[in-house]
């Protein structure tokens, strides 16, 4: 599936048309009607692949399991829906590990600064022992995680004044970051001046030079039109973020074992397809943003790692995550601390 923004919009419209007869054919048979909530637009690859997944589940279970999708925070904020998931009010939810860490601290370890150089190292870790460890911690919190994590992409640094090519370029650099200790800690260790600003205020903060730059995946840089107030985009890949597909334990255990197998199979298969979609989408977005005037460069991640190591960033977070989790991370990415 060759994903572009035009393809996404066209596929979303087609999916809505195709879904209607499929749903109506099984409307009277569904034993389990489950809600799946997420915080992404309906046109995002996650929702397109989730729609395929829900239709496949409905068909293979002969209409016994109907998964209804509620995108774009329709059922509430991430915090609200996480609470609903735990109480059984929502049956399925996809959530960033960086946000899930408010409940499961280990979940944010995949976002450690400059840990991953590329996607192969991400999937080696998250489909391997590190992912298994994080899922075990999520399970202890009373939530059932699916085996495959979905992709949200690498985060990149943008600037209005200069490209960020080396750690020295971040010295004193005023950069907007989300309200999160992991982000603030990392950019302080790089001698930048991080400022926690709500995303709704990012565009105006950049426009009025309250901050010089920000960091986000390319899809956000594009959809939020940050290219209008940012000249440079440094493909730093400084943090990777993914979405865990989570199930309410109460709802999951209500499903007979044979239905759980079918549902899990299609959710995990959809995750693999969504990963490819996001990678293709980002490649297209770089060309699109370059056409709108953004200048791209590719910093050397090793130099930033060295700076973080010298500043004690990795040692600090190794202490917070614990030796076991940190050893599993380093098994996939190499020595950090």
Protein backbone atom coordinates (compact mmCIF):
# COMPACT_ATOMS: atom_id res chain seq x y z
CA UNK A 1 0.00 0.00 0.00
CA UNK A 2 1.65 3.20 -1.18
CA UNK A 3 0.64 5.78 1.42
CA UNK A 4 0.38 9.49 0.72
CA UNK A 5 -1.92 12.11 2.16
CA UNK A 6 -4.09 11.88 -0.97
CA UNK A 7 -4.22 8.08 -0.64
CA UNK A 8 -5.16 8.37 3.02
CA UNK A 9 -8.08 10.68 2.32
CA UNK A 10 -9.30 8.57 -0.61
CA UNK A 11 -9.00 5.33 1.36
CA UNK A 12 -10.84 6.78 4.35
CA UNK A 13 -13.79 7.77 2.19
CA UNK A 14 -13.86 4.36 0.48
CA UNK A 15 -13.64 2.52 3.80
CA UNK A 16 -16.70 4.35 5.10
CA UNK A 17 -18.71 3.27 2.05
CA UNK A 18 -17.58 -0.36 2.14
CA UNK A 19 -18.09 -0.68 5.91
CA UNK A 20 -21.81 0.08 5.90
CA UNK A 21 -23.07 -3.12 4.21
CA UNK A 22 -20.58 -5.27 6.14
CA UNK A 23 -21.76 -3.86 9.48
CA UNK A 24 -25.47 -4.13 8.59
CA UNK A 25 -25.06 -7.75 7.50
CA UNK A 26 -23.92 -8.71 11.01
CA UNK A 27 -25.82 -6.08 13.01
CA UNK A 28 -28.16 -8.55 14.73
CA UNK A 29 -25.50 -11.15 15.55
CA UNK A 30 -22.83 -9.28 17.52
CA UNK A 31 -22.34 -10.81 20.97
CA UNK A 32 -19.54 -8.39 21.79
CA UNK A 33 -19.70 -4.75 20.68
CA UNK A 34 -16.45 -3.13 21.83
CA UNK A 35 -15.32 0.47 21.61
CA UNK A 36 -11.80 1.30 20.41
CA UNK A 37 -10.64 4.86 21.17
CA UNK A 38 -7.58 6.75 19.95
CA UNK A 39 -6.31 10.33 19.72
CA UNK A 40 -5.45 10.47 15.98
CA UNK A 41 -7.36 11.90 13.00
CA UNK A 42 -9.54 9.48 11.05
CA UNK A 43 -7.19 9.84 8.05
CA UNK A 44 -4.09 8.69 9.95
CA UNK A 45 -2.72 5.27 8.89
CA UNK A 46 -3.53 3.96 12.38
CA UNK A 47 -7.25 4.50 11.85
CA UNK A 48 -7.19 3.19 8.29
CA UNK A 49 -5.50 -0.03 9.37
CA UNK A 50 -7.73 -0.27 12.46
CA UNK A 51 -10.76 -0.08 10.17
CA UNK A 52 -9.41 -2.97 8.11
CA UNK A 53 -8.74 -4.86 11.34
CA UNK A 54 -12.26 -4.30 12.70
CA UNK A 55 -13.82 -5.47 9.43
CA UNK A 56 -11.60 -8.58 9.37
CA UNK A 57 -12.52 -9.41 12.97
CA UNK A 58 -16.23 -8.96 12.24
CA UNK A 59 -15.99 -11.24 9.22
CA UNK A 60 -13.85 -14.01 10.77
CA UNK A 61 -15.96 -14.14 13.95
CA UNK A 62 -19.12 -14.29 11.82
CA UNK A 63 -20.34 -11.06 13.34
CA UNK A 64 -19.78 -12.08 16.97
CA UNK A 65 -17.21 -9.32 17.66
CA UNK A 66 -17.91 -5.79 16.43
CA UNK A 67 -15.12 -3.30 17.18
CA UNK A 68 -16.34 0.28 16.76
CA UNK A 69 -13.69 2.95 16.24
CA UNK A 70 -13.76 6.36 17.97
CA UNK A 71 -10.82 8.44 16.63
CA UNK A 72 -9.56 11.93 17.42
CA UNK A 73 -10.27 11.99 21.18
CA UNK A 74 -14.02 11.56 20.60
CA UNK A 75 -14.37 9.74 23.93
CA UNK A 76 -12.18 12.14 25.91
CA UNK A 77 -8.57 13.06 26.55
CA UNK A 78 -5.86 10.42 26.87
CA UNK A 79 -6.06 10.60 30.66
CA UNK A 80 -9.86 10.28 30.60
CA UNK A 81 -9.86 7.31 28.25
CA UNK A 82 -7.09 5.53 30.18
CA UNK A 83 -9.34 5.77 33.23
CA UNK A 84 -12.30 4.45 31.20
CA UNK A 85 -10.17 1.58 29.93
CA UNK A 86 -9.22 0.56 33.45
CA UNK A 87 -12.85 0.66 34.59
CA UNK A 88 -14.15 -1.18 31.52
CA UNK A 89 -16.03 1.79 30.04
CA UNK A 90 -13.84 1.57 26.92
CA UNK A 91 -12.66 -1.82 25.72
CA UNK A 92 -9.67 -0.88 23.51
CA UNK A 93 -7.32 2.13 23.47
CA UNK A 94 -4.03 3.01 21.76
CA UNK A 95 -1.70 5.15 23.85
CA UNK A 96 1.85 6.46 23.58
CA UNK A 97 4.28 4.77 25.94
CA UNK A 98 5.45 8.25 26.96
CA UNK A 99 1.96 9.04 28.29
CA UNK A 100 1.26 5.54 29.59
CA UNK A 101 4.34 6.02 31.80
CA UNK A 102 2.17 8.06 34.21
CA UNK A 103 0.67 4.67 35.17
CA UNK A 104 3.47 2.30 34.05
CA UNK A 105 6.84 4.10 34.47
CA UNK A 106 8.73 1.53 32.37
CA UNK A 107 6.60 2.33 29.31
CA UNK A 108 8.57 5.49 28.50
CA UNK A 109 11.95 3.76 28.25
CA UNK A 110 11.45 3.47 24.48
CA UNK A 111 11.63 7.29 24.35
CA UNK A 112 15.08 7.66 25.91
CA UNK A 113 17.01 10.31 23.99
CA UNK A 114 19.08 9.13 20.99
CA UNK A 115 18.72 5.50 22.06
CA UNK A 116 17.56 4.31 18.63
CA UNK A 117 19.45 5.12 15.44
CA UNK A 118 16.87 3.69 13.06
CA UNK A 119 13.75 1.58 12.71
CA UNK A 120 15.52 -1.80 12.65
CA UNK A 121 16.88 -1.10 16.14
CA UNK A 122 13.42 0.03 17.30
CA UNK A 123 11.69 -3.14 16.15
CA UNK A 124 14.53 -5.33 17.43
CA UNK A 125 13.85 -3.95 20.89
CA UNK A 126 10.08 -3.54 20.85
CA UNK A 127 9.37 -6.90 19.16
CA UNK A 128 11.99 -8.51 21.37
CA UNK A 129 12.92 -8.69 25.04
CA UNK A 130 12.39 -5.01 25.86
CA UNK A 131 8.85 -5.07 24.47
CA UNK A 132 8.14 -8.27 26.41
CA UNK A 133 9.36 -6.61 29.61
CA UNK A 134 7.22 -3.48 29.07
CA UNK A 135 4.13 -5.56 28.31
CA UNK A 136 4.66 -7.47 31.56
CA UNK A 137 4.72 -4.18 33.47
CA UNK A 138 1.54 -3.02 31.68
CA UNK A 139 -0.16 -6.30 32.56
CA UNK A 140 0.69 -5.78 36.23
CA UNK A 141 -1.26 -2.51 36.04
CA UNK A 142 -4.40 -4.45 35.11
CA UNK A 143 -4.35 -3.74 31.36
CA UNK A 144 -3.85 -6.24 28.52
CA UNK A 145 -1.34 -5.08 25.85
CA UNK A 146 -1.25 -6.62 22.38
CA UNK A 147 2.07 -8.06 21.21
CA UNK A 148 2.91 -5.53 18.48
CA UNK A 149 3.35 -1.82 19.20
CA UNK A 150 2.13 0.63 16.53
CA UNK A 151 4.33 3.42 15.17
CA UNK A 152 4.09 7.12 15.93
CA UNK A 153 7.49 7.91 14.40
CA UNK A 154 10.77 9.57 15.26
CA UNK A 155 10.76 13.13 16.54
CA UNK A 156 12.77 15.82 14.75
CA UNK A 157 14.04 19.28 15.78
CA UNK A 158 12.97 22.41 13.90
CA UNK A 159 14.40 25.91 14.18
CA UNK A 160 13.75 29.39 12.86
CA UNK A 161 17.39 30.51 13.15
CA UNK A 162 19.82 27.71 12.23
CA UNK A 163 20.09 24.00 11.50
CA UNK A 164 20.93 21.80 14.49
CA UNK A 165 23.92 19.80 13.30
CA UNK A 166 25.94 19.25 16.51
CA UNK A 167 25.27 19.39 20.26
CA UNK A 168 26.96 22.81 20.33
CA UNK A 169 24.10 24.17 18.18
CA UNK A 170 21.70 23.48 21.07
CA UNK A 171 23.64 25.51 23.64
CA UNK A 172 21.21 28.13 24.95
CA UNK A 173 18.69 27.17 22.25
CA UNK A 174 15.14 27.96 23.37
CA UNK A 175 13.09 24.90 22.44
CA UNK A 176 9.49 24.00 23.19
CA UNK A 177 9.01 20.56 24.76
CA UNK A 178 5.94 18.73 26.09
CA UNK A 179 5.32 18.82 29.83
CA UNK A 180 7.44 15.77 30.62
CA UNK A 181 10.52 15.15 32.80
CA UNK A 182 12.13 12.94 30.12
CA UNK A 183 12.10 15.74 27.50
CA UNK A 184 13.17 18.49 29.89
CA UNK A 185 15.98 16.37 31.32
CA UNK A 186 17.34 15.47 27.88
CA UNK A 187 17.44 18.99 26.47
CA UNK A 188 18.92 20.42 29.66
CA UNK A 189 21.65 17.80 29.42
CA UNK A 190 22.32 19.10 25.89
CA UNK A 191 22.68 22.66 27.30
CA UNK A 192 19.49 23.83 25.59
CA UNK A 193 16.83 25.97 27.26
CA UNK A 194 13.68 23.80 27.16
CA UNK A 195 10.31 25.45 27.78
CA UNK A 196 7.21 23.35 28.54
CA UNK A 197 4.38 24.79 26.45
CA UNK A 198 0.98 23.26 25.64
CA UNK A 199 0.79 22.17 22.02
CA UNK A 200 -2.12 24.51 21.28
CA UNK A 201 0.24 27.43 21.92
CA UNK A 202 3.25 26.16 19.98
CA UNK A 203 2.59 27.96 16.69
CA UNK A 204 2.18 31.36 18.35
CA UNK A 205 5.19 30.75 20.61
CA UNK A 206 7.32 30.11 17.52
CA UNK A 207 5.81 33.01 15.62
CA UNK A 208 6.52 35.49 18.44
CA UNK A 209 9.99 34.02 19.13
CA UNK A 210 9.16 33.01 22.68
CA UNK A 211 11.04 29.90 21.62
CA UNK A 212 13.40 29.38 18.67
CA UNK A 213 12.37 25.84 17.89
CA UNK A 214 10.37 22.75 18.77
CA UNK A 215 10.47 18.99 18.20
CA UNK A 216 7.82 16.66 16.76
CA UNK A 217 7.34 13.94 14.14
CA UNK A 218 7.14 15.18 10.54
CA UNK A 219 3.41 14.52 10.37
CA UNK A 220 2.80 17.02 13.18
CA UNK A 221 5.19 19.57 11.66
CA UNK A 222 3.14 19.32 8.48
CA UNK A 223 -0.43 19.25 9.82
CA UNK A 224 0.21 22.02 12.36
CA UNK A 225 1.79 24.14 9.57
CA UNK A 226 4.91 24.73 11.64
CA UNK A 227 6.83 25.12 8.38
CA UNK A 228 5.27 28.59 8.18
CA UNK A 229 7.24 29.71 11.24
CA UNK A 230 10.25 27.36 11.08
CA UNK A 231 12.94 27.37 8.41
CA UNK A 232 15.12 24.39 9.35
CA UNK A 233 14.33 20.78 10.13
CA UNK A 234 17.10 18.63 11.55
CA UNK A 235 16.38 14.91 11.18
CA UNK A 236 17.73 14.20 14.65
CA UNK A 237 15.59 11.09 15.37
CA UNK A 238 16.22 12.07 18.98
CA UNK A 239 13.23 10.16 20.36
CA UNK A 240 11.04 7.39 19.02
CA UNK A 241 7.43 7.02 20.07
CA UNK A 242 4.91 4.25 19.56
CA UNK A 243 1.34 3.37 20.52
CA UNK A 244 0.53 0.35 22.63
CA UNK A 245 -2.78 -1.26 21.65
CA UNK A 246 -4.39 -1.84 25.04
CA UNK A 247 -7.43 -3.87 26.10
CA UNK A 248 -9.53 -3.61 29.22
CA UNK A 249 -8.79 -6.75 31.21
CA UNK A 250 -12.46 -7.10 32.14
CA UNK A 251 -13.56 -6.89 28.49
CA UNK A 252 -10.72 -9.08 27.21
CA UNK A 253 -11.47 -11.88 29.66
CA UNK A 254 -15.15 -11.85 28.65
CA UNK A 255 -14.16 -12.97 25.15
CA UNK A 256 -13.92 -16.75 24.69
CA UNK A 257 -10.37 -17.95 23.98
CA UNK A 258 -11.05 -18.60 20.28
CA UNK A 259 -12.32 -15.03 19.78
CA UNK A 260 -9.36 -13.56 21.68
CA UNK A 261 -7.02 -15.39 19.29
CA UNK A 262 -8.79 -13.94 16.23
CA UNK A 263 -8.92 -10.40 17.61
CA UNK A 264 -5.26 -10.40 18.69
CA UNK A 265 -4.16 -11.85 15.33
CA UNK A 266 -5.81 -9.07 13.35
CA UNK A 267 -4.73 -6.27 15.70
CA UNK A 268 -1.09 -7.36 15.51
CA UNK A 269 -1.22 -7.80 11.73
CA UNK A 270 -2.67 -4.29 11.39
CA UNK A 271 0.17 -2.92 13.52
CA UNK A 272 2.79 -4.30 11.14
CA UNK A 273 1.03 -2.73 8.15
CA UNK A 274 0.68 0.61 9.96
CA UNK A 275 4.43 0.68 10.63
CA UNK A 276 5.14 0.48 6.91
CA UNK A 277 2.51 3.13 6.21
CA UNK A 278 4.05 5.62 8.65
CA UNK A 279 7.56 5.09 7.24
CA UNK A 280 6.28 5.76 3.70
CA UNK A 281 4.23 8.73 4.85
CA UNK A 282 7.23 10.34 6.54
CA UNK A 283 9.37 9.92 3.41
CA UNK A 284 6.71 11.70 1.40
CA UNK A 285 6.29 14.43 4.02
CA UNK A 286 9.99 15.31 3.89
CA UNK A 287 9.69 16.01 0.17
CA UNK A 288 6.47 17.94 0.74
CA UNK A 289 7.95 20.11 3.49
CA UNK A 290 11.11 20.75 1.46
CA UNK A 291 8.86 21.99 -1.31
CA UNK A 292 7.34 24.45 1.16
CA UNK A 293 10.73 25.92 1.97
CA UNK A 294 12.07 23.85 4.87
CA UNK A 295 15.78 23.07 4.74
CA UNK A 296 16.69 19.58 5.97
CA UNK A 297 19.93 18.26 7.44
CA UNK A 298 21.00 14.98 9.06
CA UNK A 299 22.88 15.36 12.37
CA UNK A 300 25.21 12.68 13.71
CA UNK A 301 23.39 11.02 16.59
CA UNK A 302 26.62 9.65 18.08
CA UNK A 303 27.82 13.13 19.06
CA UNK A 304 24.55 13.80 20.91
CA UNK A 305 24.79 10.46 22.68
CA UNK A 306 28.29 11.36 23.87
CA UNK A 307 27.05 14.68 25.24
CA UNK A 308 24.17 13.01 27.08
CA UNK A 309 26.54 10.41 28.49
CA UNK A 310 28.97 13.07 29.76
CA UNK A 311 26.12 15.06 31.31
CA UNK A 312 24.94 12.03 33.29
CA UNK A 313 21.59 11.81 31.48
CA UNK A 314 21.78 8.08 30.81
CA UNK A 315 23.04 7.28 34.30
CA UNK A 316 20.16 9.25 35.81
CA UNK A 317 17.49 7.46 33.79
CA UNK A 318 19.11 4.06 34.22
CA UNK A 319 18.60 4.60 37.94
CA UNK A 320 14.94 5.46 37.38
CA UNK A 321 14.12 2.54 35.09
CA UNK A 322 16.23 0.00 36.94
CA UNK A 323 19.07 -2.28 35.88
CA UNK A 324 16.89 -4.97 34.30
CA UNK A 325 14.98 -2.66 31.95
CA UNK A 326 18.13 -0.72 31.05
CA UNK A 327 20.05 -3.90 30.22
CA UNK A 328 17.26 -4.95 27.84
CA UNK A 329 17.36 -1.54 26.11
CA UNK A 330 21.14 -1.70 25.70
CA UNK A 331 20.91 -5.23 24.33
CA UNK A 332 19.19 -3.73 21.29
CA UNK A 333 20.90 -0.35 20.93
CA UNK A 334 24.36 -0.81 22.42
CA UNK A 335 25.98 0.73 25.49
CA UNK A 336 24.43 3.99 26.67
CA UNK A 337 25.45 4.35 30.31
